[in-house]
């Protein structure tokens, strides 16, 4: 018998692997009639020191990311998932998801892509490995 999940968390960043993870999360949430939480992390590396000191700049980036996540939420709702939530977190993606997002959301499954959308220094592979190792829940890494 397959495991049924009640609350699924999926990390998105528009990379090809994250889009595959999102599609898989849609399928899993629909199959299990689970709540779906969609998270994206506003990375500290995306903001220089002067921008970080400007509250309007940071809030603008955060608002833009939150609006972008609404597109994911609409796709989920159009796929037939009734309980959809979005979250914008700030920090280093793997650490923020493991230490802040998971305790807040309390999912029973984390679905993530294996690579991020940006350069070699931000390969999600190492972040995916970190989350798989340190998350207190089941983690599914999609390639």
Protein backbone atom coordinates (compact mmCIF):
# COMPACT_ATOMS: atom_id res chain seq x y z
CA UNK A 1 0.00 0.00 0.00
CA UNK A 2 1.34 3.44 -0.93
CA UNK A 3 2.07 6.02 1.74
CA UNK A 4 -0.51 8.79 1.98
CA UNK A 5 0.75 12.26 2.76
CA UNK A 6 -1.44 14.92 4.39
CA UNK A 7 0.75 18.01 3.98
CA UNK A 8 3.29 18.40 1.18
CA UNK A 9 5.92 21.14 0.92
CA UNK A 10 7.51 21.86 -2.47
CA UNK A 11 10.41 24.21 -3.07
CA UNK A 12 10.35 26.21 -6.31
CA UNK A 13 12.84 28.53 -8.01
CA UNK A 14 11.87 28.23 -11.71
CA UNK A 15 14.73 25.83 -12.53
CA UNK A 16 13.86 22.87 -14.74
CA UNK A 17 14.27 20.45 -11.82
CA UNK A 18 12.12 22.60 -9.53
CA UNK A 19 9.39 22.71 -12.19
CA UNK A 20 9.51 18.91 -12.35
CA UNK A 21 9.33 18.79 -8.55
CA UNK A 22 6.31 21.10 -8.65
CA UNK A 23 4.58 18.87 -11.21
CA UNK A 24 5.31 15.82 -9.07
CA UNK A 25 4.00 17.63 -5.99
CA UNK A 26 0.77 18.44 -7.86
CA UNK A 27 0.32 14.79 -8.74
CA UNK A 28 1.09 13.62 -5.20
CA UNK A 29 -1.15 16.22 -3.53
CA UNK A 30 -4.03 15.42 -5.83
CA UNK A 31 -3.60 11.67 -5.32
CA UNK A 32 -3.50 12.05 -1.54
CA UNK A 33 -5.98 14.94 -1.26
CA UNK A 34 -3.18 16.69 0.64
CA UNK A 35 -2.56 20.30 1.51
CA UNK A 36 0.13 21.77 -0.74
CA UNK A 37 2.59 24.38 0.51
CA UNK A 38 4.69 26.09 -2.15
CA UNK A 39 7.83 27.83 -0.89
CA UNK A 40 10.46 29.98 -2.51
CA UNK A 41 13.40 31.49 -0.70
CA UNK A 42 14.61 35.03 -1.30
CA UNK A 43 18.33 34.36 -1.16
CA UNK A 44 20.67 36.62 0.74
CA UNK A 45 23.10 36.43 -2.20
CA UNK A 46 20.51 38.10 -4.45
CA UNK A 47 20.72 41.33 -2.45
CA UNK A 48 23.85 43.45 -1.99
CA UNK A 49 24.61 45.20 1.30
CA UNK A 50 23.19 48.54 0.18
CA UNK A 51 19.98 46.94 -1.07
CA UNK A 52 19.66 44.96 2.17
CA UNK A 53 19.69 48.21 4.13
CA UNK A 54 16.82 49.55 2.01
CA UNK A 55 13.58 48.15 3.46
CA UNK A 56 11.63 49.26 0.40
CA UNK A 57 13.95 47.30 -1.90
CA UNK A 58 13.76 44.10 0.17
CA UNK A 59 9.98 44.35 0.55
CA UNK A 60 9.68 44.96 -3.20
CA UNK A 61 11.70 41.81 -4.00
CA UNK A 62 9.66 39.87 -1.47
CA UNK A 63 6.35 41.16 -2.90
CA UNK A 64 7.46 40.31 -6.46
CA UNK A 65 8.35 36.77 -5.38
CA UNK A 66 5.04 36.40 -3.51
CA UNK A 67 3.12 37.47 -6.64
CA UNK A 68 5.13 34.99 -8.71
CA UNK A 69 4.20 32.20 -6.29
CA UNK A 70 0.53 33.02 -6.85
CA UNK A 71 0.99 31.71 -10.41
CA UNK A 72 2.09 28.37 -8.96
CA UNK A 73 -0.90 28.42 -6.59
CA UNK A 74 -3.28 29.02 -9.50
CA UNK A 75 -1.76 26.09 -11.41
CA UNK A 76 -2.27 23.90 -8.35
CA UNK A 77 -5.87 25.00 -7.94
CA UNK A 78 -6.53 24.46 -11.65
CA UNK A 79 -5.12 20.95 -11.22
CA UNK A 80 -7.82 20.28 -8.64
CA UNK A 81 -5.93 20.83 -5.40
CA UNK A 82 -8.19 22.72 -3.04
CA UNK A 83 -5.82 23.44 -0.14
CA UNK A 84 -2.91 25.48 -1.51
CA UNK A 85 -0.64 27.83 0.42
CA UNK A 86 2.37 29.89 -0.61
CA UNK A 87 5.31 31.05 1.48
CA UNK A 88 8.22 33.38 0.84
CA UNK A 89 11.17 32.83 3.17
CA UNK A 90 14.48 34.67 3.35
CA UNK A 91 17.97 33.26 3.77
CA UNK A 92 20.00 30.37 2.45
CA UNK A 93 17.49 28.01 0.80
CA UNK A 94 18.44 24.65 2.32
CA UNK A 95 19.04 25.96 5.81
CA UNK A 96 15.94 28.16 5.78
CA UNK A 97 13.69 25.34 4.59
CA UNK A 98 15.04 22.85 7.15
CA UNK A 99 15.27 25.19 10.17
CA UNK A 100 12.40 27.62 9.59
CA UNK A 101 9.88 26.48 7.00
CA UNK A 102 9.50 22.82 7.95
CA UNK A 103 8.91 23.54 11.67
CA UNK A 104 6.40 26.25 10.73
CA UNK A 105 4.48 24.26 8.09
CA UNK A 106 4.91 20.79 9.65
CA UNK A 107 4.68 18.87 6.36
CA UNK A 108 5.15 15.13 6.15
CA UNK A 109 6.90 15.29 2.74
CA UNK A 110 9.33 17.75 1.15
CA UNK A 111 9.67 17.64 -2.64
CA UNK A 112 12.60 19.50 -4.22
CA UNK A 113 14.54 19.66 -7.46
CA UNK A 114 18.16 18.62 -7.57
CA UNK A 115 19.59 21.84 -9.06
CA UNK A 116 18.78 25.54 -8.76
CA UNK A 117 18.30 27.90 -11.68
CA UNK A 118 21.43 29.98 -11.13
CA UNK A 119 25.16 29.39 -11.65
CA UNK A 120 27.47 26.61 -10.58
CA UNK A 121 27.97 28.06 -7.11
CA UNK A 122 24.28 27.63 -6.40
CA UNK A 123 23.81 24.06 -7.53
CA UNK A 124 20.86 22.74 -5.64
CA UNK A 125 22.54 19.33 -5.56
CA UNK A 126 24.44 20.22 -2.42
CA UNK A 127 21.36 21.96 -1.04
CA UNK A 128 19.19 18.97 -1.89
CA UNK A 129 21.70 16.70 -0.15
CA UNK A 130 21.64 18.99 2.91
CA UNK A 131 17.84 18.91 3.07
CA UNK A 132 17.71 15.16 2.55
CA UNK A 133 20.21 14.68 5.38
CA UNK A 134 18.89 17.18 7.91
CA UNK A 135 15.15 17.48 7.29
CA UNK A 136 13.15 15.67 9.98
CA UNK A 137 10.69 14.44 7.33
CA UNK A 138 10.73 12.39 4.13
CA UNK A 139 12.44 14.18 1.24
CA UNK A 140 11.90 13.42 -2.43
CA UNK A 141 14.57 14.83 -4.78
CA UNK A 142 13.47 15.13 -8.41
CA UNK A 143 15.78 15.15 -11.44
